[in-house]
Amino acid sequence: MLSVRPKIAELTVQLFGRSIHPELFQVYASKSYQRSRYDATVQVTSAGHVVIWRHQGLVLTEVAAAANHPLPQRRRLMAHRALGERADRVELRGGGVYEVKFAMEPVEVGLFNFYQNELARCGKAEGGIAEGVFHQFDKSERFGLGALSYMHVECRDRTFKVQTLHTFPDDCALLKCETVFRLPK
């Protein structure tokens, strides 16, 4: 199955106060995490990424996908185009917080190739990348590397943090995203 990343032109970052049907995405890499007060799953998908976080009946789902990707409108809490830099914060019932910062960065070709090669090398090393998930997409042109996605996870008792890096070789651009789900003290 061909796994080529969508173009960046219409990329969005959205938050839903519900789960999203898994059949909406082709999942290429996934990892689940369990703590005493919450559980979470991170996924590299055909459209970008999905982060699902659950705490005492509350389900939050962050999706990075093209704006035209078929996603529900019901219980959508936040939606932003992934252009430039952006930060947002959503207060959760019971005092918890969801925070996201992301930036779409065009990068000079030499630096972009360095990032691509280093990330590919780390992802293919023996044992892979243990702190999260990694996927290398098929290349969309005859030469070069395919796009890469890496999701680094820090799983603490009250904090779940995900740092995501998606590369877009055709556009020499990076999408960096940092998401934090924080429980009250």
C-alpha atoms as a PDB file:
ATOM      1  CA  MET A   1       0.000   0.000   0.000  1.00  0.00           C
ATOM      2  CA  LEU A   2       1.384   3.402  -0.986  1.00  0.00           C
ATOM      3  CA  SER A   3       1.777   5.759   1.984  1.00  0.00           C
ATOM      4  CA  VAL A   4       2.455   9.261   0.704  1.00  0.00           C
ATOM      5  CA  ARG A   5       1.805  12.233   2.990  1.00  0.00           C
ATOM      6  CA  PRO A   6      -0.853  14.750   1.926  1.00  0.00           C
ATOM      7  CA  LYS A   7       0.244  18.255   0.869  1.00  0.00           C
ATOM      8  CA  ILE A   8       0.604  20.955   3.538  1.00  0.00           C
ATOM      9  CA  ALA A   9      -1.620  23.517   1.808  1.00  0.00           C
ATOM     10  CA  GLU A  10      -4.780  22.698   3.775  1.00  0.00           C
ATOM     11  CA  LEU A  11      -3.347  21.155   6.941  1.00  0.00           C
ATOM     12  CA  THR A  12      -5.284  21.814  10.180  1.00  0.00           C
ATOM     13  CA  VAL A  13      -4.888  20.975  13.860  1.00  0.00           C
ATOM     14  CA  GLN A  14      -8.208  20.193  15.539  1.00  0.00           C
ATOM     15  CA  LEU A  15      -9.394  19.100  18.990  1.00  0.00           C
ATOM     16  CA  PHE A  16     -12.550  17.102  19.617  1.00  0.00           C
ATOM     17  CA  GLY A  17     -14.278  16.385  22.924  1.00  0.00           C
ATOM     18  CA  ARG A  18     -15.012  12.852  21.771  1.00  0.00           C
ATOM     19  CA  SER A  19     -13.419   9.863  20.112  1.00  0.00           C
ATOM     20  CA  ILE A  20     -13.125   9.801  16.318  1.00  0.00           C
ATOM     21  CA  HIS A  21     -13.983   6.693  14.310  1.00  0.00           C
ATOM     22  CA  PRO A  22     -10.689   4.877  13.642  1.00  0.00           C
ATOM     23  CA  GLU A  23     -11.726   3.933  10.109  1.00  0.00           C
ATOM     24  CA  LEU A  24     -11.352   7.605   9.103  1.00  0.00           C
ATOM     25  CA  PHE A  25      -7.561   7.151   9.104  1.00  0.00           C
ATOM     26  CA  GLN A  26      -4.972   4.736   7.838  1.00  0.00           C
ATOM     27  CA  VAL A  27      -2.730   4.250  10.896  1.00  0.00           C
ATOM     28  CA  TYR A  28       0.947   3.592  10.138  1.00  0.00           C
ATOM     29  CA  ALA A  29       2.384   3.644  13.668  1.00  0.00           C
ATOM     30  CA  SER A  30       0.689   3.592  17.063  1.00  0.00           C
ATOM     31  CA  LYS A  31       1.553   3.311  20.735  1.00  0.00           C
ATOM     32  CA  SER A  32      -0.620   3.321  23.867  1.00  0.00           C
ATOM     33  CA  TYR A  33       0.212   4.606  27.354  1.00  0.00           C
ATOM     34  CA  GLN A  34      -1.458   3.866  30.689  1.00  0.00           C
ATOM     35  CA  ARG A  35      -1.238   5.788  33.954  1.00  0.00           C
ATOM     36  CA  SER A  36      -3.353   5.493  37.097  1.00  0.00           C
ATOM     37  CA  ARG A  37      -5.513   8.560  36.228  1.00  0.00           C
ATOM     38  CA  TYR A  38      -5.495   8.537  32.406  1.00  0.00           C
ATOM     39  CA  ASP A  39      -4.623   6.566  29.308  1.00  0.00           C
ATOM     40  CA  ALA A  40      -3.568   7.795  25.879  1.00  0.00           C
ATOM     41  CA  THR A  41      -2.782   6.625  22.370  1.00  0.00           C
ATOM     42  CA  VAL A  42      -0.624   8.364  19.755  1.00  0.00           C
ATOM     43  CA  GLN A  43      -0.845   7.495  16.071  1.00  0.00           C
ATOM     44  CA  VAL A  44       0.933   8.516  12.890  1.00  0.00           C
ATOM     45  CA  THR A  45      -1.793   8.462  10.260  1.00  0.00           C
ATOM     46  CA  SER A  46      -2.224   8.908   6.541  1.00  0.00           C
ATOM     47  CA  ALA A  47      -3.394  12.456   7.233  1.00  0.00           C
ATOM     48  CA  GLY A  48      -0.843  13.503   9.900  1.00  0.00           C
ATOM     49  CA  HIS A  49      -1.408  12.370  13.472  1.00  0.00           C
ATOM     50  CA  VAL A  50      -4.030  11.539  16.082  1.00  0.00           C
ATOM     51  CA  VAL A  51      -3.670  11.772  19.882  1.00  0.00           C
ATOM     52  CA  ILE A  52      -6.433  10.230  22.004  1.00  0.00           C
ATOM     53  CA  TRP A  53      -6.460  11.034  25.738  1.00  0.00           C
ATOM     54  CA  ARG A  54      -8.959   9.614  28.266  1.00  0.00           C
ATOM     55  CA  HIS A  55      -9.556  10.608  31.899  1.00  0.00           C
ATOM     56  CA  GLN A  56     -12.592   9.685  34.034  1.00  0.00           C
ATOM     57  CA  GLY A  57     -15.037   9.479  31.133  1.00  0.00           C
ATOM     58  CA  LEU A  58     -13.595  12.503  29.324  1.00  0.00           C
ATOM     59  CA  VAL A  59     -12.182  11.778  25.861  1.00  0.00           C
ATOM     60  CA  LEU A  60     -10.138  14.331  23.925  1.00  0.00           C
ATOM     61  CA  THR A  61      -8.868  13.668  20.407  1.00  0.00           C
ATOM     62  CA  GLU A  62      -6.318  15.880  18.669  1.00  0.00           C
ATOM     63  CA  VAL A  63      -6.136  15.462  14.902  1.00  0.00           C
ATOM     64  CA  ALA A  64      -3.633  16.935  12.451  1.00  0.00           C
ATOM     65  CA  ALA A  65      -5.131  16.410   8.995  1.00  0.00           C
ATOM     66  CA  ALA A  66      -6.001  18.155   5.763  1.00  0.00           C
ATOM     67  CA  ALA A  67      -8.981  20.509   6.080  1.00  0.00           C
ATOM     68  CA  ASN A  68     -10.880  18.441   3.515  1.00  0.00           C
ATOM     69  CA  HIS A  69     -10.346  15.199   5.483  1.00  0.00           C
ATOM     70  CA  PRO A  70     -13.793  13.854   6.478  1.00  0.00           C
ATOM     71  CA  LEU A  71     -14.005  14.701  10.176  1.00  0.00           C
ATOM     72  CA  PRO A  72     -17.126  15.250  12.277  1.00  0.00           C
ATOM     73  CA  GLN A  73     -18.209  18.753  13.275  1.00  0.00           C
ATOM     74  CA  ARG A  74     -19.973  17.618  16.445  1.00  0.00           C
ATOM     75  CA  ARG A  75     -18.074  18.382  19.668  1.00  0.00           C
ATOM     76  CA  ARG A  76     -15.182  20.028  17.841  1.00  0.00           C
ATOM     77  CA  LEU A  77     -13.553  22.249  20.476  1.00  0.00           C
ATOM     78  CA  MET A  78     -10.800  23.854  18.391  1.00  0.00           C
ATOM     79  CA  ALA A  79      -9.668  24.079  14.774  1.00  0.00           C
ATOM     80  CA  HIS A  80      -6.743  26.048  13.324  1.00  0.00           C
ATOM     81  CA  ARG A  81      -5.002  26.041   9.969  1.00  0.00           C
ATOM     82  CA  ALA A  82      -1.386  24.973  10.395  1.00  0.00           C
ATOM     83  CA  LEU A  83       0.120  28.109   8.894  1.00  0.00           C
ATOM     84  CA  GLY A  84       2.831  30.044  10.718  1.00  0.00           C
ATOM     85  CA  GLU A  85       2.797  29.698  14.500  1.00  0.00           C
ATOM     86  CA  ARG A  86      -0.184  29.236  16.784  1.00  0.00           C
ATOM     87  CA  ALA A  87      -0.933  28.374  20.406  1.00  0.00           C
ATOM     88  CA  ASP A  88      -4.236  27.532  22.069  1.00  0.00           C
ATOM     89  CA  ARG A  89      -5.510  26.350  25.417  1.00  0.00           C
ATOM     90  CA  VAL A  90      -8.721  24.602  26.453  1.00  0.00           C
ATOM     91  CA  GLU A  91      -9.814  24.394  30.116  1.00  0.00           C
ATOM     92  CA  LEU A  92     -11.187  20.938  30.970  1.00  0.00           C
ATOM     93  CA  ARG A  93     -13.867  20.043  33.455  1.00  0.00           C
ATOM     94  CA  GLY A  94     -12.424  19.386  36.887  1.00  0.00           C
ATOM     95  CA  GLY A  95      -9.552  21.829  36.372  1.00  0.00           C
ATOM     96  CA  GLY A  96      -7.467  20.001  33.777  1.00  0.00           C
ATOM     97  CA  VAL A  97      -5.920  21.773  30.784  1.00  0.00           C
ATOM     98  CA  TYR A  98      -5.174  20.958  27.139  1.00  0.00           C
ATOM     99  CA  GLU A  99      -2.484  23.130  25.539  1.00  0.00           C
ATOM    100  CA  VAL A 100      -1.104  23.047  22.020  1.00  0.00           C
ATOM    101  CA  LYS A 101       1.605  25.004  20.214  1.00  0.00           C
ATOM    102  CA  PHE A 102       2.459  24.376  16.607  1.00  0.00           C
ATOM    103  CA  ALA A 103       4.483  25.948  13.833  1.00  0.00           C
ATOM    104  CA  MET A 104       4.737  25.276  10.129  1.00  0.00           C
ATOM    105  CA  GLU A 105       8.296  26.226   9.184  1.00  0.00           C
ATOM    106  CA  PRO A 106       9.779  26.467   5.700  1.00  0.00           C
ATOM    107  CA  VAL A 107      13.400  25.307   5.887  1.00  0.00           C
ATOM    108  CA  GLU A 108      16.410  25.875   3.616  1.00  0.00           C
ATOM    109  CA  VAL A 109      17.054  22.780   1.481  1.00  0.00           C
ATOM    110  CA  GLY A 110      20.389  21.813   3.068  1.00  0.00           C
ATOM    111  CA  LEU A 111      19.027  22.038   6.614  1.00  0.00           C
ATOM    112  CA  PHE A 112      15.866  20.190   5.608  1.00  0.00           C
ATOM    113  CA  ASN A 113      17.906  17.327   4.127  1.00  0.00           C
ATOM    114  CA  PHE A 114      19.955  17.178   7.346  1.00  0.00           C
ATOM    115  CA  TYR A 115      16.764  16.869   9.460  1.00  0.00           C
ATOM    116  CA  GLN A 116      15.359  14.230   7.095  1.00  0.00           C
ATOM    117  CA  ASN A 117      18.511  12.111   7.122  1.00  0.00           C
ATOM    118  CA  GLU A 118      19.070  12.331  10.902  1.00  0.00           C
ATOM    119  CA  LEU A 119      15.472  11.491  11.707  1.00  0.00           C
ATOM    120  CA  ALA A 120      15.474   8.595   9.226  1.00  0.00           C
ATOM    121  CA  ARG A 121      18.733   7.287  10.717  1.00  0.00           C
ATOM    122  CA  CYS A 122      17.336   7.428  14.281  1.00  0.00           C
ATOM    123  CA  GLY A 123      14.064   5.793  13.243  1.00  0.00           C
ATOM    124  CA  LYS A 124      15.817   2.924  11.484  1.00  0.00           C
ATOM    125  CA  ALA A 125      18.447   2.331  14.173  1.00  0.00           C
ATOM    126  CA  GLU A 126      18.325  -0.979  16.018  1.00  0.00           C
ATOM    127  CA  GLY A 127      15.467  -0.744  18.489  1.00  0.00           C
ATOM    128  CA  GLY A 128      14.019   2.256  16.644  1.00  0.00           C
ATOM    129  CA  ILE A 129      12.871   5.253  18.646  1.00  0.00           C
ATOM    130  CA  ALA A 130      11.711   3.998  22.045  1.00  0.00           C
ATOM    131  CA  GLU A 131      10.097   7.203  23.393  1.00  0.00           C
ATOM    132  CA  GLY A 132       7.315   7.379  20.834  1.00  0.00           C
ATOM    133  CA  VAL A 133       6.360   6.433  17.292  1.00  0.00           C
ATOM    134  CA  PHE A 134       8.035   6.893  13.932  1.00  0.00           C
ATOM    135  CA  HIS A 135       6.984   6.367  10.323  1.00  0.00           C
ATOM    136  CA  GLN A 136       8.675   7.033   6.993  1.00  0.00           C
ATOM    137  CA  PHE A 137       6.228   7.577   4.127  1.00  0.00           C
ATOM    138  CA  ASP A 138       6.914   6.517   0.562  1.00  0.00           C
ATOM    139  CA  LYS A 139       8.621   9.149  -1.539  1.00  0.00           C
ATOM    140  CA  SER A 140       6.338  11.122  -3.821  1.00  0.00           C
ATOM    141  CA  GLU A 141       9.009  11.774  -6.443  1.00  0.00           C
ATOM    142  CA  ARG A 142      11.696   9.623  -8.037  1.00  0.00           C
ATOM    143  CA  PHE A 143      14.518  10.856  -5.785  1.00  0.00           C
ATOM    144  CA  GLY A 144      14.987  11.670  -2.127  1.00  0.00           C
ATOM    145  CA  LEU A 145      13.392  10.433   1.060  1.00  0.00           C
ATOM    146  CA  GLY A 146       9.704  10.165   1.747  1.00  0.00           C
ATOM    147  CA  ALA A 147       8.114  12.344   4.412  1.00  0.00           C
ATOM    148  CA  LEU A 148       8.780  11.408   8.036  1.00  0.00           C
ATOM    149  CA  SER A 149       6.669  11.630  11.179  1.00  0.00           C
ATOM    150  CA  TYR A 150       8.024  11.296  14.692  1.00  0.00           C
ATOM    151  CA  MET A 151       5.978  11.592  17.883  1.00  0.00           C
ATOM    152  CA  HIS A 152       8.036  11.851  21.084  1.00  0.00           C
ATOM    153  CA  VAL A 153       6.032  11.137  24.246  1.00  0.00           C
ATOM    154  CA  GLU A 154       6.606  12.061  27.893  1.00  0.00           C
ATOM    155  CA  CYS A 155       4.142  10.212  30.118  1.00  0.00           C
ATOM    156  CA  ARG A 156       4.000  11.451  33.755  1.00  0.00           C
ATOM    157  CA  ASP A 157       1.429  10.918  36.523  1.00  0.00           C
ATOM    158  CA  ARG A 158      -0.417  14.204  35.892  1.00  0.00           C
ATOM    159  CA  THR A 159       1.008  15.293  32.540  1.00  0.00           C
ATOM    160  CA  PHE A 160       0.985  13.731  29.097  1.00  0.00           C
ATOM    161  CA  LYS A 161       3.173  15.587  26.594  1.00  0.00           C
ATOM    162  CA  VAL A 162       3.574  14.839  22.889  1.00  0.00           C
ATOM    163  CA  GLN A 163       6.114  16.549  20.642  1.00  0.00           C
ATOM    164  CA  THR A 164       5.448  15.842  16.978  1.00  0.00           C
ATOM    165  CA  LEU A 165       7.588  16.516  13.932  1.00  0.00           C
ATOM    166  CA  HIS A 166       6.198  15.981  10.432  1.00  0.00           C
ATOM    167  CA  THR A 167       8.399  16.646   7.400  1.00  0.00           C
ATOM    168  CA  PHE A 168       7.126  17.716   3.981  1.00  0.00           C
ATOM    169  CA  PRO A 169       9.907  17.089   1.422  1.00  0.00           C
ATOM    170  CA  ASP A 170       8.002  18.464  -1.575  1.00  0.00           C
ATOM    171  CA  ASP A 171       7.649  21.822   0.214  1.00  0.00           C
ATOM    172  CA  CYS A 172      10.880  21.790   2.290  1.00  0.00           C
ATOM    173  CA  ALA A 173       8.769  22.426   5.393  1.00  0.00           C
ATOM    174  CA  LEU A 174       8.403  21.058   8.908  1.00  0.00           C
ATOM    175  CA  LEU A 175       5.320  20.956  11.122  1.00  0.00           C
ATOM    176  CA  LYS A 176       6.326  21.002  14.769  1.00  0.00           C
ATOM    177  CA  CYS A 177       3.578  20.453  17.307  1.00  0.00           C
ATOM    178  CA  GLU A 178       3.734  20.296  21.115  1.00  0.00           C
ATOM    179  CA  THR A 179       0.652  19.087  22.980  1.00  0.00           C
ATOM    180  CA  VAL A 180       0.188  18.861  26.748  1.00  0.00           C
ATOM    181  CA  PHE A 181      -2.711  17.299  28.627  1.00  0.00           C
ATOM    182  CA  ARG A 182      -2.463  18.364  32.281  1.00  0.00           C
ATOM    183  CA  LEU A 183      -4.531  17.056  35.203  1.00  0.00           C
ATOM    184  CA  PRO A 184      -5.285  19.295  38.229  1.00  0.00           C
ATOM    185  CA  LYS A 185      -3.152  18.969  41.364  1.00  0.00           C
END
